[in-house]
Amino acid sequence: MRNFLLITALLIVQSSLFAQTPEKGIVKLNNQEEVEGTVDINTFINSAVVTTADGRQLTYHASMIKSIETEDECGFARSYRCYDYRSNSFFDRLEKKVFQVVADGEITVLRRLFEYDVFDASDDYTIDEFYFVDENNQVKRLRNFKRQILPLMKSHEKEMKVFRKRNGFKNLNKEINMYLMVNYYNRLNSLDTDVVSMNQ
């Protein structure tokens, strides 16, 4: 049973973390407008290009976007949000950037995928980076799960230790382990909230 759950979760992770390709979806703008069509997210220029049903191509910078919801041909849904962020690169600047939401809840984990064509189509390469939203709603680069995320799980520390041991998670920086740990913790917090709501 445990192996079945892990395989199922792995398939979900692989589908949700698949390379960004144009997919049908909805771009929700800060002015409450919603634009439907084929959505192509370009993290290099922090924008989303929407090809509408009538063939128009509309480009929206991250500063204009509230959220994006897409769905691929297999029915897998992905969501994106925009946050202020500046990397350590000298050439980068603080501005709204588009992030994929990998896990959402008490702990929110984000992802950005950069795809570059160096010289020609055979020389393309990708950079895959993970982030999290801290207690001040600031986006931080996720470099070490044990040091950065585990301290945020204090309210269910015992449960998380049992969950980690039961599933044999040694390297918490692996995508599947990170995904399962955060989603399990968020689920525990969600159940706590449901109990509090029922008692009120």
N, C-alpha and C. Protein backbone atom coordinates (compact mmCIF):
# COMPACT_ATOMS: atom_id res chain seq x y z
N MET A 1 0.83 -1.20 0.00
CA MET A 1 0.00 0.00 0.00
C MET A 1 0.87 1.26 0.00
N ARG A 2 1.93 1.23 0.84
CA ARG A 2 2.81 2.40 0.92
C ARG A 2 3.48 2.66 -0.42
N ASN A 3 3.95 1.56 -1.08
CA ASN A 3 4.60 1.70 -2.38
C ASN A 3 3.64 2.25 -3.42
N PHE A 4 2.38 1.83 -3.34
CA PHE A 4 1.37 2.33 -4.28
C PHE A 4 1.19 3.83 -4.11
N LEU A 5 1.11 4.28 -2.86
CA LEU A 5 0.94 5.71 -2.59
C LEU A 5 2.14 6.51 -3.08
N LEU A 6 3.33 5.97 -2.88
CA LEU A 6 4.54 6.67 -3.32
C LEU A 6 4.60 6.75 -4.84
N ILE A 7 4.23 5.66 -5.51
CA ILE A 7 4.23 5.67 -6.98
C ILE A 7 3.21 6.67 -7.51
N THR A 8 2.03 6.69 -6.88
CA THR A 8 0.99 7.64 -7.28
C THR A 8 1.47 9.07 -7.11
N ALA A 9 2.09 9.34 -5.95
CA ALA A 9 2.60 10.69 -5.68
C ALA A 9 3.70 11.06 -6.66
N LEU A 10 4.55 10.08 -7.00
CA LEU A 10 5.64 10.34 -7.96
C LEU A 10 5.07 10.72 -9.32
N LEU A 11 4.01 10.04 -9.74
CA LEU A 11 3.39 10.37 -11.02
C LEU A 11 2.81 11.78 -10.99
N ILE A 12 2.22 12.15 -9.86
CA ILE A 12 1.66 13.50 -9.71
C ILE A 12 2.77 14.53 -9.79
N VAL A 13 3.87 14.27 -9.09
CA VAL A 13 4.99 15.20 -9.09
C VAL A 13 5.56 15.34 -10.50
N GLN A 14 5.77 14.22 -11.18
CA GLN A 14 6.34 14.27 -12.52
C GLN A 14 5.46 15.05 -13.47
N SER A 15 4.15 14.89 -13.31
CA SER A 15 3.24 15.62 -14.20
C SER A 15 3.19 17.09 -13.85
N SER A 16 3.19 17.41 -12.56
CA SER A 16 3.09 18.80 -12.15
C SER A 16 4.40 19.56 -12.39
N LEU A 17 5.52 18.83 -12.42
CA LEU A 17 6.80 19.47 -12.63
C LEU A 17 7.30 19.30 -14.06
N PHE A 18 6.41 18.93 -14.95
CA PHE A 18 6.80 18.74 -16.35
C PHE A 18 7.22 20.08 -16.95
N ALA A 19 8.05 20.04 -17.97
CA ALA A 19 8.53 21.26 -18.60
C ALA A 19 7.36 22.14 -19.03
N GLN A 20 7.52 23.43 -18.87
CA GLN A 20 6.46 24.37 -19.21
C GLN A 20 6.26 24.41 -20.73
N THR A 21 5.11 23.99 -21.16
CA THR A 21 4.74 24.07 -22.57
C THR A 21 3.41 24.79 -22.65
N PRO A 22 3.11 25.40 -23.79
CA PRO A 22 1.82 26.09 -23.92
C PRO A 22 0.65 25.17 -23.63
N GLU A 23 -0.26 25.58 -22.77
CA GLU A 23 -1.42 24.77 -22.39
C GLU A 23 -2.64 25.66 -22.31
N LYS A 24 -3.80 25.07 -22.43
CA LYS A 24 -5.03 25.84 -22.30
C LYS A 24 -5.17 26.29 -20.85
N GLY A 25 -5.67 27.49 -20.67
CA GLY A 25 -5.79 27.98 -19.30
C GLY A 25 -6.43 29.35 -19.21
N ILE A 26 -6.36 29.90 -18.01
CA ILE A 26 -6.94 31.21 -17.72
C ILE A 26 -5.90 32.05 -17.01
N VAL A 27 -5.69 33.26 -17.49
CA VAL A 27 -4.83 34.23 -16.82
C VAL A 27 -5.73 35.24 -16.12
N LYS A 28 -5.60 35.30 -14.78
CA LYS A 28 -6.40 36.25 -14.00
C LYS A 28 -5.54 37.47 -13.70
N LEU A 29 -6.01 38.62 -14.12
CA LEU A 29 -5.26 39.85 -13.99
C LEU A 29 -5.62 40.61 -12.71
N ASN A 30 -4.75 41.53 -12.33
CA ASN A 30 -4.98 42.32 -11.12
C ASN A 30 -6.21 43.20 -11.21
N ASN A 31 -6.63 43.54 -12.44
CA ASN A 31 -7.81 44.39 -12.62
C ASN A 31 -9.11 43.57 -12.67
N GLN A 32 -9.04 42.30 -12.24
CA GLN A 32 -10.17 41.37 -12.18
C GLN A 32 -10.55 40.78 -13.53
N GLU A 33 -9.88 41.18 -14.60
CA GLU A 33 -10.15 40.60 -15.92
C GLU A 33 -9.58 39.19 -16.00
N GLU A 34 -10.26 38.32 -16.74
CA GLU A 34 -9.79 36.96 -16.97
C GLU A 34 -9.66 36.72 -18.46
N VAL A 35 -8.51 36.18 -18.88
CA VAL A 35 -8.25 35.94 -20.30
C VAL A 35 -8.04 34.45 -20.51
N GLU A 36 -8.84 33.85 -21.39
CA GLU A 36 -8.76 32.42 -21.67
C GLU A 36 -8.07 32.17 -23.00
N GLY A 37 -7.40 31.05 -23.09
CA GLY A 37 -6.76 30.66 -24.33
C GLY A 37 -5.62 29.70 -24.08
N THR A 38 -4.70 29.60 -25.01
CA THR A 38 -3.49 28.80 -24.84
C THR A 38 -2.43 29.68 -24.19
N VAL A 39 -1.99 29.26 -23.03
CA VAL A 39 -1.09 30.08 -22.22
C VAL A 39 0.34 29.58 -22.35
N ASP A 40 1.24 30.48 -22.74
CA ASP A 40 2.66 30.18 -22.85
C ASP A 40 3.39 31.04 -21.82
N ILE A 41 3.92 30.41 -20.77
CA ILE A 41 4.59 31.15 -19.70
C ILE A 41 6.08 31.26 -20.02
N ASN A 42 6.57 32.50 -20.02
CA ASN A 42 7.98 32.76 -20.33
C ASN A 42 8.64 33.36 -19.10
N THR A 43 9.37 32.52 -18.34
CA THR A 43 10.00 33.02 -17.11
C THR A 43 11.19 33.91 -17.40
N PHE A 44 11.73 33.82 -18.61
CA PHE A 44 12.88 34.65 -18.96
C PHE A 44 12.51 36.13 -18.99
N ILE A 45 11.29 36.42 -19.48
CA ILE A 45 10.83 37.82 -19.51
C ILE A 45 9.68 38.05 -18.53
N ASN A 46 9.44 37.07 -17.64
CA ASN A 46 8.42 37.21 -16.59
C ASN A 46 7.06 37.58 -17.15
N SER A 47 6.64 36.85 -18.16
CA SER A 47 5.39 37.17 -18.83
C SER A 47 4.63 35.91 -19.21
N ALA A 48 3.36 36.12 -19.54
CA ALA A 48 2.53 35.05 -20.09
C ALA A 48 1.93 35.54 -21.39
N VAL A 49 2.06 34.72 -22.43
CA VAL A 49 1.48 35.05 -23.73
C VAL A 49 0.25 34.16 -23.92
N VAL A 50 -0.89 34.79 -24.14
CA VAL A 50 -2.14 34.06 -24.30
C VAL A 50 -2.60 34.15 -25.75
N THR A 51 -2.75 32.99 -26.38
CA THR A 51 -3.32 32.94 -27.73
C THR A 51 -4.80 32.63 -27.58
N THR A 52 -5.65 33.60 -27.92
CA THR A 52 -7.09 33.46 -27.73
C THR A 52 -7.72 32.63 -28.84
N ALA A 53 -8.99 32.29 -28.67
CA ALA A 53 -9.70 31.46 -29.64
C ALA A 53 -9.77 32.11 -31.02
N ASP A 54 -9.77 33.45 -31.05
CA ASP A 54 -9.84 34.14 -32.34
C ASP A 54 -8.47 34.44 -32.93
N GLY A 55 -7.40 33.85 -32.33
CA GLY A 55 -6.07 33.96 -32.91
C GLY A 55 -5.23 35.14 -32.44
N ARG A 56 -5.74 35.95 -31.53
CA ARG A 56 -4.95 37.08 -31.03
C ARG A 56 -3.90 36.57 -30.05
N GLN A 57 -2.75 37.23 -30.01
CA GLN A 57 -1.70 36.92 -29.04
C GLN A 57 -1.55 38.11 -28.10
N LEU A 58 -1.88 37.88 -26.83
CA LEU A 58 -1.86 38.93 -25.83
C LEU A 58 -0.77 38.63 -24.81
N THR A 59 0.10 39.60 -24.57
CA THR A 59 1.21 39.41 -23.64
C THR A 59 0.97 40.20 -22.37
N TYR A 60 1.14 39.53 -21.21
CA TYR A 60 0.93 40.16 -19.92
C TYR A 60 2.18 39.97 -19.06
N HIS A 61 2.74 41.06 -18.59
CA HIS A 61 3.88 40.98 -17.69
C HIS A 61 3.41 40.51 -16.32
N ALA A 62 4.32 39.91 -15.55
CA ALA A 62 3.97 39.40 -14.23
C ALA A 62 3.36 40.47 -13.32
N SER A 63 3.76 41.72 -13.50
CA SER A 63 3.22 42.81 -12.68
C SER A 63 1.72 43.01 -12.90
N MET A 64 1.19 42.49 -14.00
CA MET A 64 -0.23 42.62 -14.33
C MET A 64 -1.04 41.39 -13.90
N ILE A 65 -0.35 40.31 -13.55
CA ILE A 65 -1.00 39.02 -13.34
C ILE A 65 -1.21 38.72 -11.85
N LYS A 66 -2.41 38.26 -11.53
CA LYS A 66 -2.71 37.79 -10.17
C LYS A 66 -2.41 36.31 -10.05
N SER A 67 -2.90 35.53 -11.00
CA SER A 67 -2.65 34.08 -10.99
C SER A 67 -2.91 33.51 -12.38
N ILE A 68 -2.42 32.28 -12.58
CA ILE A 68 -2.62 31.56 -13.83
C ILE A 68 -3.01 30.13 -13.50
N GLU A 69 -4.03 29.63 -14.19
CA GLU A 69 -4.42 28.24 -14.04
C GLU A 69 -4.37 27.58 -15.42
N THR A 70 -3.66 26.45 -15.53
CA THR A 70 -3.58 25.75 -16.81
C THR A 70 -3.94 24.28 -16.63
N GLU A 71 -4.24 23.63 -17.75
CA GLU A 71 -4.55 22.20 -17.74
C GLU A 71 -4.01 21.59 -19.01
N ASP A 72 -3.26 20.49 -18.88
CA ASP A 72 -2.68 19.87 -20.07
C ASP A 72 -3.65 18.86 -20.68
N GLU A 73 -3.19 18.18 -21.74
CA GLU A 73 -4.06 17.25 -22.46
C GLU A 73 -4.48 16.05 -21.62
N CYS A 74 -3.71 15.75 -20.58
CA CYS A 74 -4.03 14.61 -19.70
C CYS A 74 -4.91 15.02 -18.53
N GLY A 75 -5.26 16.31 -18.46
CA GLY A 75 -6.13 16.79 -17.39
C GLY A 75 -5.40 17.22 -16.14
N PHE A 76 -4.06 17.26 -16.17
CA PHE A 76 -3.30 17.71 -15.01
C PHE A 76 -3.32 19.24 -14.93
N ALA A 77 -3.73 19.74 -13.78
CA ALA A 77 -3.83 21.18 -13.58
C ALA A 77 -2.56 21.71 -12.93
N ARG A 78 -2.18 22.91 -13.32
CA ARG A 78 -1.05 23.61 -12.71
C ARG A 78 -1.48 25.03 -12.40
N SER A 79 -0.95 25.57 -11.31
CA SER A 79 -1.28 26.95 -10.96
C SER A 79 0.00 27.75 -10.79
N TYR A 80 -0.10 29.04 -11.07
CA TYR A 80 1.04 29.95 -11.00
C TYR A 80 0.60 31.22 -10.29
N ARG A 81 1.56 31.82 -9.57
CA ARG A 81 1.32 33.11 -8.94
C ARG A 81 2.52 34.00 -9.18
N CYS A 82 2.34 35.29 -8.94
CA CYS A 82 3.42 36.25 -9.14
C CYS A 82 3.82 36.86 -7.80
N TYR A 83 5.12 36.87 -7.55
CA TYR A 83 5.67 37.42 -6.32
C TYR A 83 6.83 38.36 -6.66
N ASP A 84 7.05 39.32 -5.76
CA ASP A 84 8.25 40.15 -5.88
C ASP A 84 9.46 39.29 -5.55
N TYR A 85 10.47 39.34 -6.41
CA TYR A 85 11.68 38.55 -6.16
C TYR A 85 12.86 39.13 -6.91
N ARG A 86 14.01 39.04 -6.26
CA ARG A 86 15.28 39.41 -6.89
C ARG A 86 16.31 38.35 -6.52
N SER A 87 16.96 37.78 -7.51
CA SER A 87 17.98 36.77 -7.26
C SER A 87 19.29 37.46 -6.88
N ASN A 88 20.30 36.65 -6.65
CA ASN A 88 21.61 37.21 -6.30
C ASN A 88 22.41 37.66 -7.52
N SER A 89 21.84 37.46 -8.69
CA SER A 89 22.52 37.86 -9.91
C SER A 89 22.65 39.39 -9.97
N PHE A 90 23.81 39.85 -10.40
CA PHE A 90 24.06 41.29 -10.52
C PHE A 90 23.09 41.93 -11.52
N PHE A 91 22.68 41.16 -12.53
CA PHE A 91 21.85 41.69 -13.60
C PHE A 91 20.36 41.63 -13.29
N ASP A 92 20.01 40.95 -12.20
CA ASP A 92 18.60 40.82 -11.85
C ASP A 92 18.13 42.04 -11.07
N ARG A 93 16.83 42.24 -11.04
CA ARG A 93 16.26 43.34 -10.28
C ARG A 93 15.01 42.87 -9.56
N LEU A 94 14.63 43.59 -8.52
CA LEU A 94 13.42 43.25 -7.77
C LEU A 94 12.20 43.61 -8.61
N GLU A 95 11.42 42.61 -8.94
CA GLU A 95 10.19 42.83 -9.70
C GLU A 95 9.31 41.60 -9.57
N LYS A 96 8.08 41.71 -10.03
CA LYS A 96 7.18 40.58 -10.02
C LYS A 96 7.68 39.51 -10.99
N LYS A 97 7.67 38.27 -10.53
CA LYS A 97 8.08 37.15 -11.35
C LYS A 97 7.05 36.03 -11.24
N VAL A 98 6.95 35.24 -12.29
CA VAL A 98 5.97 34.16 -12.34
C VAL A 98 6.56 32.89 -11.73
N PHE A 99 5.85 32.30 -10.77
CA PHE A 99 6.28 31.06 -10.11
C PHE A 99 5.18 30.02 -10.23
N GLN A 100 5.57 28.78 -10.47
CA GLN A 100 4.61 27.68 -10.39
C GLN A 100 4.43 27.30 -8.94
N VAL A 101 3.19 27.07 -8.52
CA VAL A 101 2.90 26.66 -7.15
C VAL A 101 2.96 25.13 -7.10
N VAL A 102 3.98 24.62 -6.42
CA VAL A 102 4.18 23.17 -6.32
C VAL A 102 3.40 22.59 -5.14
N ALA A 103 3.42 23.30 -4.02
CA ALA A 103 2.67 22.89 -2.83
C ALA A 103 2.10 24.15 -2.20
N ASP A 104 0.84 24.08 -1.77
CA ASP A 104 0.18 25.28 -1.25
C ASP A 104 -0.46 24.97 0.09
N GLY A 105 -0.35 25.91 1.00
CA GLY A 105 -0.92 25.73 2.32
C GLY A 105 -0.15 26.51 3.35
N GLU A 106 -0.03 25.94 4.55
CA GLU A 106 0.75 26.59 5.61
C GLU A 106 2.17 26.84 5.12
N ILE A 107 2.71 25.90 4.37
CA ILE A 107 4.01 26.08 3.71
C ILE A 107 3.77 26.04 2.20
N THR A 108 4.22 27.07 1.52
CA THR A 108 4.05 27.16 0.08
C THR A 108 5.41 27.00 -0.60
N VAL A 109 5.49 26.02 -1.50
CA VAL A 109 6.71 25.77 -2.26
C VAL A 109 6.47 26.16 -3.71
N LEU A 110 7.42 26.87 -4.29
CA LEU A 110 7.31 27.38 -5.65
C LEU A 110 8.42 26.83 -6.52
N ARG A 111 8.27 27.03 -7.82
CA ARG A 111 9.26 26.54 -8.78
C ARG A 111 9.34 27.49 -9.96
N ARG A 112 10.55 27.64 -10.48
CA ARG A 112 10.75 28.37 -11.74
C ARG A 112 11.62 27.51 -12.65
N LEU A 113 11.21 27.44 -13.90
CA LEU A 113 11.95 26.68 -14.90
C LEU A 113 12.40 27.63 -15.99
N PHE A 114 13.70 27.70 -16.20
CA PHE A 114 14.26 28.55 -17.24
C PHE A 114 14.72 27.67 -18.40
N GLU A 115 14.30 28.00 -19.60
CA GLU A 115 14.72 27.25 -20.78
C GLU A 115 15.44 28.20 -21.72
N TYR A 116 16.66 27.82 -22.10
CA TYR A 116 17.48 28.67 -22.96
C TYR A 116 17.89 27.91 -24.22
N ASP A 117 17.99 28.63 -25.32
CA ASP A 117 18.60 28.12 -26.54
C ASP A 117 19.92 28.87 -26.71
N VAL A 118 21.03 28.15 -26.52
CA VAL A 118 22.34 28.81 -26.54
C VAL A 118 22.74 29.22 -27.95
N PHE A 119 22.84 28.26 -28.84
CA PHE A 119 23.23 28.57 -30.22
C PHE A 119 22.16 28.10 -31.21
N ASP A 120 21.71 26.88 -31.03
CA ASP A 120 20.64 26.38 -31.90
C ASP A 120 19.79 25.42 -31.08
N ALA A 121 18.82 24.82 -31.73
CA ALA A 121 17.86 23.97 -31.01
C ALA A 121 18.51 22.79 -30.30
N SER A 122 19.67 22.35 -30.78
CA SER A 122 20.33 21.20 -30.16
C SER A 122 21.13 21.59 -28.92
N ASP A 123 21.26 22.89 -28.65
CA ASP A 123 22.06 23.35 -27.52
C ASP A 123 21.22 23.95 -26.40
N ASP A 124 19.91 23.64 -26.38
CA ASP A 124 19.08 24.21 -25.33
C ASP A 124 19.37 23.53 -23.99
N TYR A 125 19.16 24.25 -22.92
CA TYR A 125 19.33 23.70 -21.58
C TYR A 125 18.36 24.38 -20.63
N THR A 126 18.14 23.74 -19.51
CA THR A 126 17.17 24.27 -18.55
C THR A 126 17.80 24.43 -17.17
N ILE A 127 17.25 25.37 -16.42
CA ILE A 127 17.61 25.56 -15.03
C ILE A 127 16.33 25.45 -14.23
N ASP A 128 16.30 24.52 -13.29
CA ASP A 128 15.11 24.25 -12.50
C ASP A 128 15.40 24.65 -11.06
N GLU A 129 14.65 25.61 -10.52
CA GLU A 129 14.92 26.11 -9.17
C GLU A 129 13.65 26.07 -8.33
N PHE A 130 13.83 25.80 -7.03
CA PHE A 130 12.72 25.75 -6.09
C PHE A 130 12.85 26.87 -5.06
N TYR A 131 11.70 27.32 -4.57
CA TYR A 131 11.64 28.44 -3.63
C TYR A 131 10.56 28.14 -2.59
N PHE A 132 10.51 28.95 -1.55
CA PHE A 132 9.41 28.85 -0.59
C PHE A 132 9.05 30.25 -0.13
N VAL A 133 7.85 30.39 0.42
CA VAL A 133 7.38 31.67 0.93
C VAL A 133 7.56 31.68 2.44
N ASP A 134 8.33 32.63 2.96
CA ASP A 134 8.60 32.65 4.40
C ASP A 134 7.47 33.31 5.17
N GLU A 135 7.67 33.44 6.50
CA GLU A 135 6.62 33.97 7.38
C GLU A 135 6.29 35.43 7.08
N ASN A 136 7.15 36.13 6.37
CA ASN A 136 6.90 37.52 6.00
C ASN A 136 6.39 37.65 4.57
N ASN A 137 5.95 36.52 4.00
CA ASN A 137 5.44 36.47 2.63
C ASN A 137 6.51 36.86 1.61
N GLN A 138 7.76 36.60 1.95
CA GLN A 138 8.87 36.85 1.04
C GLN A 138 9.33 35.54 0.40
N VAL A 139 9.64 35.60 -0.88
CA VAL A 139 10.10 34.40 -1.59
C VAL A 139 11.59 34.21 -1.37
N LYS A 140 11.95 33.01 -0.93
CA LYS A 140 13.35 32.66 -0.69
C LYS A 140 13.73 31.44 -1.53
N ARG A 141 14.96 31.43 -2.00
CA ARG A 141 15.46 30.27 -2.75
C ARG A 141 15.58 29.08 -1.81
N LEU A 142 15.04 27.94 -2.21
CA LEU A 142 15.09 26.73 -1.41
C LEU A 142 16.35 25.95 -1.77
N ARG A 143 17.33 26.02 -0.89
CA ARG A 143 18.61 25.36 -1.13
C ARG A 143 18.82 24.13 -0.25
N ASN A 144 18.28 24.17 0.97
CA ASN A 144 18.47 23.07 1.90
C ASN A 144 17.18 22.86 2.69
N PHE A 145 16.46 21.80 2.35
CA PHE A 145 15.16 21.54 2.96
C PHE A 145 15.26 21.38 4.48
N LYS A 146 16.28 20.65 4.92
CA LYS A 146 16.42 20.38 6.34
C LYS A 146 16.60 21.66 7.15
N ARG A 147 17.40 22.59 6.63
CA ARG A 147 17.67 23.83 7.36
C ARG A 147 16.58 24.88 7.19
N GLN A 148 15.94 24.90 6.01
CA GLN A 148 15.00 25.98 5.72
C GLN A 148 13.53 25.62 5.96
N ILE A 149 13.15 24.37 5.68
CA ILE A 149 11.74 24.01 5.76
C ILE A 149 11.38 23.24 7.04
N LEU A 150 12.22 22.31 7.45
CA LEU A 150 11.91 21.53 8.65
C LEU A 150 11.63 22.41 9.88
N PRO A 151 12.39 23.51 10.10
CA PRO A 151 12.08 24.36 11.25
C PRO A 151 10.68 24.97 11.20
N LEU A 152 10.09 25.05 10.01
CA LEU A 152 8.75 25.61 9.87
C LEU A 152 7.67 24.58 10.22
N MET A 153 8.09 23.32 10.49
CA MET A 153 7.14 22.25 10.75
C MET A 153 7.06 21.90 12.24
N LYS A 154 7.42 22.84 13.09
CA LYS A 154 7.49 22.61 14.54
C LYS A 154 6.17 22.13 15.11
N SER A 155 5.06 22.65 14.59
CA SER A 155 3.76 22.33 15.19
C SER A 155 3.39 20.85 15.02
N HIS A 156 4.03 20.16 14.09
CA HIS A 156 3.78 18.73 13.91
C HIS A 156 5.11 17.99 13.78
N GLU A 157 6.04 18.36 14.63
CA GLU A 157 7.39 17.81 14.55
C GLU A 157 7.40 16.29 14.72
N LYS A 158 6.66 15.76 15.69
CA LYS A 158 6.65 14.32 15.94
C LYS A 158 6.05 13.57 14.76
N GLU A 159 4.93 14.07 14.25
CA GLU A 159 4.27 13.41 13.12
C GLU A 159 5.17 13.39 11.89
N MET A 160 5.90 14.49 11.68
CA MET A 160 6.76 14.57 10.51
C MET A 160 7.94 13.61 10.62
N LYS A 161 8.47 13.43 11.84
CA LYS A 161 9.56 12.48 12.04
C LYS A 161 9.09 11.06 11.74
N VAL A 162 7.88 10.73 12.21
CA VAL A 162 7.32 9.39 11.95
C VAL A 162 7.09 9.19 10.45
N PHE A 163 6.53 10.20 9.81
CA PHE A 163 6.25 10.12 8.38
C PHE A 163 7.54 9.94 7.58
N ARG A 164 8.56 10.70 7.95
CA ARG A 164 9.84 10.61 7.24
C ARG A 164 10.48 9.24 7.43
N LYS A 165 10.46 8.72 8.65
CA LYS A 165 11.06 7.43 8.93
C LYS A 165 10.30 6.30 8.25
N ARG A 166 8.97 6.36 8.29
CA ARG A 166 8.13 5.33 7.70
C ARG A 166 8.36 5.21 6.20
N ASN A 167 8.61 6.34 5.54
CA ASN A 167 8.79 6.34 4.09
C ASN A 167 10.25 6.30 3.66
N GLY A 168 11.16 6.28 4.63
CA GLY A 168 12.57 6.14 4.31
C GLY A 168 13.16 7.33 3.56
N PHE A 169 12.72 8.53 3.91
CA PHE A 169 13.23 9.73 3.24
C PHE A 169 14.57 10.12 3.85
N LYS A 170 15.66 9.87 3.14
CA LYS A 170 16.98 10.26 3.62
C LYS A 170 17.40 11.61 3.06
N ASN A 171 17.26 11.76 1.76
CA ASN A 171 17.62 13.03 1.12
C ASN A 171 16.36 13.87 0.92
N LEU A 172 16.17 14.86 1.77
CA LEU A 172 14.96 15.68 1.71
C LEU A 172 15.00 16.71 0.59
N ASN A 173 16.14 16.83 -0.08
CA ASN A 173 16.22 17.76 -1.19
C ASN A 173 15.75 17.14 -2.51
N LYS A 174 15.45 15.85 -2.49
CA LYS A 174 14.90 15.21 -3.69
C LYS A 174 13.48 15.72 -3.89
N GLU A 175 13.11 15.95 -5.14
CA GLU A 175 11.81 16.56 -5.44
C GLU A 175 10.65 15.78 -4.85
N ILE A 176 10.64 14.45 -5.03
CA ILE A 176 9.52 13.65 -4.55
C ILE A 176 9.42 13.70 -3.04
N ASN A 177 10.56 13.62 -2.33
CA ASN A 177 10.55 13.66 -0.87
C ASN A 177 10.08 15.02 -0.36
N MET A 178 10.58 16.07 -0.98
CA MET A 178 10.20 17.42 -0.60
C MET A 178 8.70 17.62 -0.79
N TYR A 179 8.20 17.18 -1.94
CA TYR A 179 6.79 17.33 -2.26
C TYR A 179 5.91 16.61 -1.24
N LEU A 180 6.25 15.35 -0.95
CA LEU A 180 5.44 14.56 -0.02
C LEU A 180 5.50 15.10 1.40
N MET A 181 6.67 15.54 1.84
CA MET A 181 6.81 16.09 3.19
C MET A 181 5.95 17.35 3.36
N VAL A 182 6.05 18.26 2.41
CA VAL A 182 5.32 19.53 2.53
C VAL A 182 3.81 19.29 2.43
N ASN A 183 3.40 18.47 1.51
CA ASN A 183 1.97 18.23 1.35
C ASN A 183 1.38 17.48 2.54
N TYR A 184 2.15 16.58 3.14
CA TYR A 184 1.67 15.89 4.33
C TYR A 184 1.53 16.88 5.49
N TYR A 185 2.52 17.75 5.65
CA TYR A 185 2.45 18.75 6.72
C TYR A 185 1.27 19.70 6.50
N ASN A 186 1.08 20.15 5.26
CA ASN A 186 -0.03 21.05 4.97
C ASN A 186 -1.37 20.38 5.23
N ARG A 187 -1.43 19.07 4.96
CA ARG A 187 -2.66 18.32 5.23
C ARG A 187 -2.95 18.26 6.72
N LEU A 188 -1.91 18.03 7.53
CA LEU A 188 -2.09 18.01 8.98
C LEU A 188 -2.61 19.35 9.48
N ASN A 189 -2.06 20.43 8.97
CA ASN A 189 -2.51 21.76 9.37
C ASN A 189 -3.94 22.03 8.92
N SER A 190 -4.28 21.53 7.74
CA SER A 190 -5.64 21.70 7.24
C SER A 190 -6.65 20.97 8.14
N LEU A 191 -6.28 19.78 8.61
CA LEU A 191 -7.15 19.03 9.51
C LEU A 191 -7.31 19.76 10.84
N ASP A 192 -6.23 20.37 11.33
CA ASP A 192 -6.31 21.16 12.56
C ASP A 192 -7.30 22.31 12.40
N THR A 193 -7.23 22.97 11.26
CA THR A 193 -8.12 24.10 10.99
C THR A 193 -9.57 23.64 10.92
N ASP A 194 -9.81 22.46 10.32
CA ASP A 194 -11.17 21.92 10.23
C ASP A 194 -11.72 21.61 11.60
N VAL A 195 -10.89 21.07 12.49
CA VAL A 195 -11.32 20.74 13.84
C VAL A 195 -11.69 22.01 14.61
N VAL A 196 -10.86 23.04 14.49
CA VAL A 196 -11.13 24.31 15.17
C VAL A 196 -12.44 24.91 14.67
N SER A 197 -12.66 24.84 13.36
CA SER A 197 -13.89 25.40 12.78
C SER A 197 -15.12 24.67 13.27
N MET A 198 -15.02 23.34 13.42
CA MET A 198 -16.15 22.54 13.91
C MET A 198 -16.48 22.85 15.35
N ASN A 199 -15.48 23.22 16.15
CA ASN A 199 -15.68 23.48 17.58
C ASN A 199 -16.15 24.89 17.88
N GLN A 200 -16.16 25.73 16.88
CA GLN A 200 -16.58 27.13 17.09
C GLN A 200 -18.11 27.27 17.00
